Amino acid sequence: MEKLRYHHIGIPTNKPLPKEDYSPEYKMTASGYYKNPYGIEWINFDSDCPLPELVKKVPHIAFVVDNIEAAIAGKNVIIEPNSPTEGVTIAFIVVNGAPVEFLQFDRPESEIWPHGAQFKI
């Protein structure tokens, strides 16, 4: 099994979140990850967000992996590997009815999101 390193927990919410954290491509806002030492991220989805309903309704846990293809091999993949931001590839699987996210970085996270990564990779 691929080595997993905790990154964050994503919690869906209906409360308004900061506009600067909005992703027009995914029609969602993800906020809070950089504002606490535990990687708690709040996520608000637009009504026309293209992501799976499970991801929009059930909290997910995210792990950093060295090889995303190995991490998802043979798993129930609900979001195929993609790059929402240059330097990181993500994918989602389902485990016991809950979404799990994997992130693979091709350089230090602090270079991708310069406002400060919580966890050094």
N, C-alpha and C. Protein backbone atom coordinates (compact mmCIF):
# COMPACT_ATOMS: atom_id res chain seq x y z
N MET A 1 0.85 -1.19 0.00
CA MET A 1 0.00 0.00 0.00
C MET A 1 0.89 1.24 0.00
N GLU A 2 0.46 2.23 -0.72
CA GLU A 2 1.15 3.52 -0.80
C GLU A 2 1.18 4.18 0.59
N LYS A 3 2.31 4.79 0.96
CA LYS A 3 2.43 5.50 2.23
C LYS A 3 1.50 6.72 2.20
N LEU A 4 0.69 6.88 3.25
CA LEU A 4 -0.26 7.99 3.34
C LEU A 4 0.21 8.99 4.40
N ARG A 5 0.18 10.28 4.05
CA ARG A 5 0.50 11.33 4.99
C ARG A 5 -0.70 12.29 5.06
N TYR A 6 -1.24 12.46 6.27
CA TYR A 6 -2.42 13.31 6.44
C TYR A 6 -2.17 14.71 5.86
N HIS A 7 -3.20 15.24 5.17
CA HIS A 7 -3.12 16.59 4.62
C HIS A 7 -4.24 17.48 5.15
N HIS A 8 -5.50 17.04 5.00
CA HIS A 8 -6.61 17.85 5.49
C HIS A 8 -7.88 17.02 5.58
N ILE A 9 -8.87 17.61 6.24
CA ILE A 9 -10.23 17.08 6.20
C ILE A 9 -11.08 18.16 5.55
N GLY A 10 -11.90 17.77 4.59
CA GLY A 10 -12.78 18.70 3.89
C GLY A 10 -14.21 18.48 4.35
N ILE A 11 -14.84 19.54 4.82
CA ILE A 11 -16.19 19.45 5.38
C ILE A 11 -17.14 20.32 4.56
N PRO A 12 -18.14 19.71 3.91
CA PRO A 12 -19.12 20.50 3.16
C PRO A 12 -19.93 21.40 4.10
N THR A 13 -20.23 22.59 3.61
CA THR A 13 -21.03 23.54 4.38
C THR A 13 -21.88 24.38 3.43
N ASN A 14 -22.93 24.95 3.96
CA ASN A 14 -23.75 25.89 3.20
C ASN A 14 -23.44 27.34 3.57
N LYS A 15 -22.59 27.54 4.59
CA LYS A 15 -22.29 28.90 5.02
C LYS A 15 -21.42 29.60 3.98
N PRO A 16 -21.55 30.91 3.85
CA PRO A 16 -20.72 31.67 2.91
C PRO A 16 -19.24 31.59 3.30
N LEU A 17 -18.39 31.50 2.30
CA LEU A 17 -16.95 31.44 2.51
C LEU A 17 -16.29 32.57 1.72
N PRO A 18 -15.04 32.91 2.03
CA PRO A 18 -14.37 34.04 1.35
C PRO A 18 -14.31 33.88 -0.16
N LYS A 19 -14.65 34.94 -0.87
CA LYS A 19 -14.67 34.92 -2.33
C LYS A 19 -13.30 34.64 -2.93
N GLU A 20 -12.23 35.01 -2.24
CA GLU A 20 -10.89 34.80 -2.80
C GLU A 20 -10.50 33.32 -2.84
N ASP A 21 -11.26 32.47 -2.18
CA ASP A 21 -10.98 31.04 -2.18
C ASP A 21 -11.84 30.28 -3.20
N TYR A 22 -12.50 31.00 -4.09
CA TYR A 22 -13.42 30.39 -5.06
C TYR A 22 -12.67 29.80 -6.26
N SER A 23 -13.12 28.62 -6.70
CA SER A 23 -12.59 27.97 -7.90
C SER A 23 -13.67 27.97 -8.98
N PRO A 24 -13.54 28.83 -10.01
CA PRO A 24 -14.56 28.87 -11.05
C PRO A 24 -14.62 27.57 -11.86
N GLU A 25 -13.49 26.89 -11.99
CA GLU A 25 -13.47 25.63 -12.76
C GLU A 25 -14.33 24.55 -12.09
N TYR A 26 -14.25 24.46 -10.77
CA TYR A 26 -15.00 23.43 -10.05
C TYR A 26 -16.27 23.96 -9.40
N LYS A 27 -16.49 25.27 -9.50
CA LYS A 27 -17.69 25.91 -8.97
C LYS A 27 -17.86 25.58 -7.49
N MET A 28 -16.78 25.87 -6.75
CA MET A 28 -16.76 25.61 -5.31
C MET A 28 -15.80 26.56 -4.62
N THR A 29 -16.02 26.73 -3.33
CA THR A 29 -15.13 27.52 -2.50
C THR A 29 -14.57 26.61 -1.41
N ALA A 30 -13.26 26.60 -1.25
CA ALA A 30 -12.61 25.81 -0.20
C ALA A 30 -11.79 26.77 0.65
N SER A 31 -12.05 26.80 1.94
CA SER A 31 -11.45 27.80 2.79
C SER A 31 -11.10 27.22 4.16
N GLY A 32 -10.08 27.79 4.78
CA GLY A 32 -9.76 27.46 6.16
C GLY A 32 -8.53 26.60 6.34
N TYR A 33 -8.10 25.89 5.32
CA TYR A 33 -6.97 24.97 5.45
C TYR A 33 -5.74 25.67 6.01
N TYR A 34 -5.46 26.88 5.57
CA TYR A 34 -4.26 27.60 6.00
C TYR A 34 -4.45 28.34 7.32
N LYS A 35 -5.66 28.35 7.83
CA LYS A 35 -5.96 29.17 8.99
C LYS A 35 -6.00 28.39 10.30
N ASN A 36 -5.65 27.12 10.26
CA ASN A 36 -5.64 26.33 11.49
C ASN A 36 -4.55 25.27 11.38
N PRO A 37 -4.03 24.82 12.49
CA PRO A 37 -2.92 23.86 12.45
C PRO A 37 -3.33 22.41 12.20
N TYR A 38 -4.62 22.16 11.95
CA TYR A 38 -5.10 20.79 11.83
C TYR A 38 -5.57 20.41 10.43
N GLY A 39 -5.49 21.35 9.50
CA GLY A 39 -5.90 21.06 8.14
C GLY A 39 -7.41 20.92 7.99
N ILE A 40 -8.18 21.72 8.71
CA ILE A 40 -9.64 21.68 8.57
C ILE A 40 -10.03 22.66 7.47
N GLU A 41 -10.69 22.13 6.45
CA GLU A 41 -11.09 22.91 5.28
C GLU A 41 -12.61 22.87 5.15
N TRP A 42 -13.22 24.03 5.02
CA TRP A 42 -14.66 24.11 4.77
C TRP A 42 -14.87 24.28 3.28
N ILE A 43 -15.89 23.60 2.74
CA ILE A 43 -16.14 23.64 1.30
C ILE A 43 -17.61 23.95 1.04
N ASN A 44 -17.83 24.93 0.18
CA ASN A 44 -19.17 25.32 -0.24
C ASN A 44 -19.25 25.11 -1.75
N PHE A 45 -20.27 24.40 -2.20
CA PHE A 45 -20.41 24.05 -3.61
C PHE A 45 -21.55 24.83 -4.25
N ASP A 46 -21.32 25.37 -5.45
CA ASP A 46 -22.40 25.98 -6.22
C ASP A 46 -23.41 24.90 -6.59
N SER A 47 -24.64 25.29 -6.88
CA SER A 47 -25.67 24.31 -7.24
C SER A 47 -25.34 23.56 -8.53
N ASP A 48 -24.53 24.17 -9.40
CA ASP A 48 -24.16 23.50 -10.66
C ASP A 48 -22.72 22.96 -10.64
N CYS A 49 -22.18 22.73 -9.46
CA CYS A 49 -20.85 22.15 -9.32
C CYS A 49 -20.84 20.76 -9.97
N PRO A 50 -19.82 20.47 -10.80
CA PRO A 50 -19.80 19.20 -11.53
C PRO A 50 -19.27 18.00 -10.74
N LEU A 51 -18.87 18.20 -9.50
CA LEU A 51 -18.30 17.10 -8.72
C LEU A 51 -19.37 16.11 -8.26
N PRO A 52 -18.98 14.87 -7.94
CA PRO A 52 -19.94 13.86 -7.49
C PRO A 52 -20.69 14.31 -6.23
N GLU A 53 -21.95 13.91 -6.14
CA GLU A 53 -22.78 14.27 -4.98
C GLU A 53 -22.15 13.82 -3.67
N LEU A 54 -21.51 12.67 -3.65
CA LEU A 54 -20.89 12.17 -2.42
C LEU A 54 -19.85 13.17 -1.90
N VAL A 55 -19.06 13.73 -2.78
CA VAL A 55 -18.03 14.70 -2.38
C VAL A 55 -18.68 15.98 -1.88
N LYS A 56 -19.83 16.34 -2.44
CA LYS A 56 -20.51 17.58 -2.05
C LYS A 56 -21.29 17.44 -0.74
N LYS A 57 -21.54 16.21 -0.32
CA LYS A 57 -22.40 16.01 0.86
C LYS A 57 -21.70 15.37 2.06
N VAL A 58 -20.65 14.60 1.83
CA VAL A 58 -19.99 13.84 2.90
C VAL A 58 -18.57 14.37 3.10
N PRO A 59 -18.17 14.64 4.35
CA PRO A 59 -16.78 15.07 4.58
C PRO A 59 -15.79 14.06 4.01
N HIS A 60 -14.64 14.57 3.60
CA HIS A 60 -13.58 13.68 3.10
C HIS A 60 -12.29 13.93 3.85
N ILE A 61 -11.44 12.93 3.87
CA ILE A 61 -10.10 13.06 4.42
C ILE A 61 -9.13 13.00 3.25
N ALA A 62 -8.04 13.77 3.35
CA ALA A 62 -7.08 13.84 2.24
C ALA A 62 -5.69 13.46 2.73
N PHE A 63 -5.00 12.71 1.88
CA PHE A 63 -3.66 12.25 2.17
C PHE A 63 -2.72 12.61 1.03
N VAL A 64 -1.49 12.95 1.36
CA VAL A 64 -0.44 13.13 0.36
C VAL A 64 0.18 11.76 0.09
N VAL A 65 0.39 11.48 -1.20
CA VAL A 65 1.04 10.23 -1.61
C VAL A 65 2.16 10.56 -2.59
N ASP A 66 3.09 9.64 -2.72
CA ASP A 66 4.18 9.82 -3.67
C ASP A 66 3.78 9.40 -5.09
N ASN A 67 2.84 8.44 -5.18
CA ASN A 67 2.44 7.91 -6.48
C ASN A 67 0.92 7.75 -6.50
N ILE A 68 0.25 8.72 -7.08
CA ILE A 68 -1.22 8.72 -7.06
C ILE A 68 -1.80 7.54 -7.83
N GLU A 69 -1.15 7.14 -8.90
CA GLU A 69 -1.64 5.99 -9.68
C GLU A 69 -1.61 4.71 -8.83
N ALA A 70 -0.54 4.54 -8.06
CA ALA A 70 -0.45 3.36 -7.18
C ALA A 70 -1.49 3.45 -6.07
N ALA A 71 -1.75 4.67 -5.56
CA ALA A 71 -2.71 4.84 -4.47
C ALA A 71 -4.13 4.50 -4.90
N ILE A 72 -4.48 4.74 -6.16
CA ILE A 72 -5.86 4.49 -6.61
C ILE A 72 -6.03 3.16 -7.33
N ALA A 73 -4.93 2.46 -7.59
CA ALA A 73 -5.00 1.20 -8.34
C ALA A 73 -5.94 0.21 -7.65
N GLY A 74 -6.92 -0.28 -8.41
CA GLY A 74 -7.86 -1.26 -7.90
C GLY A 74 -8.92 -0.72 -6.97
N LYS A 75 -8.98 0.60 -6.81
CA LYS A 75 -9.94 1.23 -5.90
C LYS A 75 -11.15 1.75 -6.68
N ASN A 76 -12.21 2.10 -5.96
CA ASN A 76 -13.41 2.69 -6.53
C ASN A 76 -13.16 4.19 -6.74
N VAL A 77 -12.66 4.57 -7.91
CA VAL A 77 -12.29 5.96 -8.20
C VAL A 77 -13.54 6.73 -8.63
N ILE A 78 -13.80 7.86 -7.94
CA ILE A 78 -14.95 8.69 -8.33
C ILE A 78 -14.52 10.01 -8.96
N ILE A 79 -13.27 10.42 -8.74
CA ILE A 79 -12.70 11.56 -9.46
C ILE A 79 -11.32 11.10 -9.93
N GLU A 80 -11.19 11.02 -11.23
CA GLU A 80 -9.93 10.56 -11.84
C GLU A 80 -8.82 11.57 -11.56
N PRO A 81 -7.56 11.14 -11.62
CA PRO A 81 -6.46 12.08 -11.41
C PRO A 81 -6.57 13.29 -12.34
N ASN A 82 -6.41 14.47 -11.73
CA ASN A 82 -6.46 15.73 -12.47
C ASN A 82 -5.65 16.76 -11.70
N SER A 83 -5.39 17.87 -12.34
CA SER A 83 -4.56 18.90 -11.72
C SER A 83 -5.34 20.20 -11.59
N PRO A 84 -5.95 20.43 -10.42
CA PRO A 84 -6.71 21.67 -10.23
C PRO A 84 -5.82 22.90 -10.13
N THR A 85 -4.55 22.68 -9.78
CA THR A 85 -3.56 23.75 -9.67
C THR A 85 -2.23 23.18 -10.15
N GLU A 86 -1.48 23.96 -10.90
CA GLU A 86 -0.19 23.49 -11.40
C GLU A 86 0.69 23.04 -10.23
N GLY A 87 1.24 21.84 -10.34
CA GLY A 87 2.13 21.31 -9.32
C GLY A 87 1.52 20.27 -8.41
N VAL A 88 0.21 20.08 -8.52
CA VAL A 88 -0.45 19.07 -7.69
C VAL A 88 -1.44 18.28 -8.53
N THR A 89 -1.47 16.98 -8.31
CA THR A 89 -2.46 16.10 -8.93
C THR A 89 -3.31 15.53 -7.81
N ILE A 90 -4.62 15.49 -8.03
CA ILE A 90 -5.53 14.93 -7.03
C ILE A 90 -6.38 13.84 -7.65
N ALA A 91 -6.95 12.99 -6.80
CA ALA A 91 -7.93 11.99 -7.21
C ALA A 91 -8.74 11.64 -5.96
N PHE A 92 -9.97 11.15 -6.18
CA PHE A 92 -10.82 10.73 -5.08
C PHE A 92 -11.25 9.28 -5.29
N ILE A 93 -11.30 8.54 -4.18
CA ILE A 93 -11.85 7.19 -4.17
C ILE A 93 -12.96 7.15 -3.13
N VAL A 94 -13.70 6.04 -3.09
CA VAL A 94 -14.71 5.82 -2.06
C VAL A 94 -14.27 4.64 -1.22
N VAL A 95 -14.31 4.81 0.11
CA VAL A 95 -13.98 3.75 1.06
C VAL A 95 -15.08 3.69 2.11
N ASN A 96 -15.74 2.57 2.20
CA ASN A 96 -16.84 2.39 3.17
C ASN A 96 -17.86 3.53 3.09
N GLY A 97 -18.17 3.97 1.89
CA GLY A 97 -19.18 5.00 1.68
C GLY A 97 -18.71 6.43 1.86
N ALA A 98 -17.41 6.62 2.14
CA ALA A 98 -16.89 7.97 2.36
C ALA A 98 -15.84 8.31 1.30
N PRO A 99 -15.80 9.58 0.87
CA PRO A 99 -14.77 9.98 -0.09
C PRO A 99 -13.41 10.14 0.58
N VAL A 100 -12.38 9.73 -0.13
CA VAL A 100 -10.99 9.90 0.31
C VAL A 100 -10.24 10.56 -0.84
N GLU A 101 -9.51 11.61 -0.53
CA GLU A 101 -8.75 12.34 -1.55
C GLU A 101 -7.27 12.01 -1.41
N PHE A 102 -6.60 11.91 -2.56
CA PHE A 102 -5.15 11.78 -2.59
C PHE A 102 -4.58 12.98 -3.32
N LEU A 103 -3.46 13.49 -2.83
CA LEU A 103 -2.74 14.59 -3.47
C LEU A 103 -1.31 14.14 -3.72
N GLN A 104 -0.82 14.41 -4.91
CA GLN A 104 0.57 14.15 -5.25
C GLN A 104 1.18 15.47 -5.70
N PHE A 105 2.22 15.92 -5.00
CA PHE A 105 2.88 17.18 -5.31
C PHE A 105 4.13 16.92 -6.13
N ASP A 106 4.39 17.77 -7.12
CA ASP A 106 5.61 17.61 -7.91
C ASP A 106 6.70 18.58 -7.45
N ARG A 107 6.41 19.38 -6.44
CA ARG A 107 7.38 20.26 -5.81
C ARG A 107 6.81 20.63 -4.43
N PRO A 108 7.58 21.32 -3.59
CA PRO A 108 7.06 21.64 -2.25
C PRO A 108 5.73 22.39 -2.30
N GLU A 109 4.85 22.01 -1.41
CA GLU A 109 3.52 22.63 -1.37
C GLU A 109 3.60 24.14 -1.19
N SER A 110 4.58 24.61 -0.43
CA SER A 110 4.72 26.05 -0.19
C SER A 110 5.03 26.83 -1.47
N GLU A 111 5.53 26.15 -2.50
CA GLU A 111 5.76 26.80 -3.79
C GLU A 111 4.47 26.84 -4.63
N ILE A 112 3.56 25.94 -4.35
CA ILE A 112 2.30 25.87 -5.09
C ILE A 112 1.29 26.84 -4.50
N TRP A 113 1.16 26.80 -3.19
CA TRP A 113 0.27 27.71 -2.46
C TRP A 113 1.14 28.54 -1.53
N PRO A 114 1.69 29.66 -2.00
CA PRO A 114 2.69 30.40 -1.24
C PRO A 114 2.20 31.04 0.05
N HIS A 115 0.88 31.09 0.28
CA HIS A 115 0.43 31.70 1.52
C HIS A 115 0.61 30.76 2.71
N GLY A 116 1.29 29.66 2.51
CA GLY A 116 1.69 28.86 3.66
C GLY A 116 1.04 27.51 3.73
N ALA A 117 1.81 26.48 3.54
CA ALA A 117 1.30 25.12 3.70
C ALA A 117 1.36 24.75 5.17
N GLN A 118 0.37 24.04 5.65
CA GLN A 118 0.35 23.60 7.04
C GLN A 118 1.38 22.51 7.30
N PHE A 119 1.54 21.63 6.35
CA PHE A 119 2.37 20.46 6.56
C PHE A 119 3.49 20.45 5.53
N LYS A 120 4.70 20.26 5.96
CA LYS A 120 5.83 20.22 5.06
C LYS A 120 5.96 18.81 4.50
N ILE A 121 6.12 18.73 3.20
CA ILE A 121 6.18 17.43 2.53
C ILE A 121 7.64 17.08 2.28
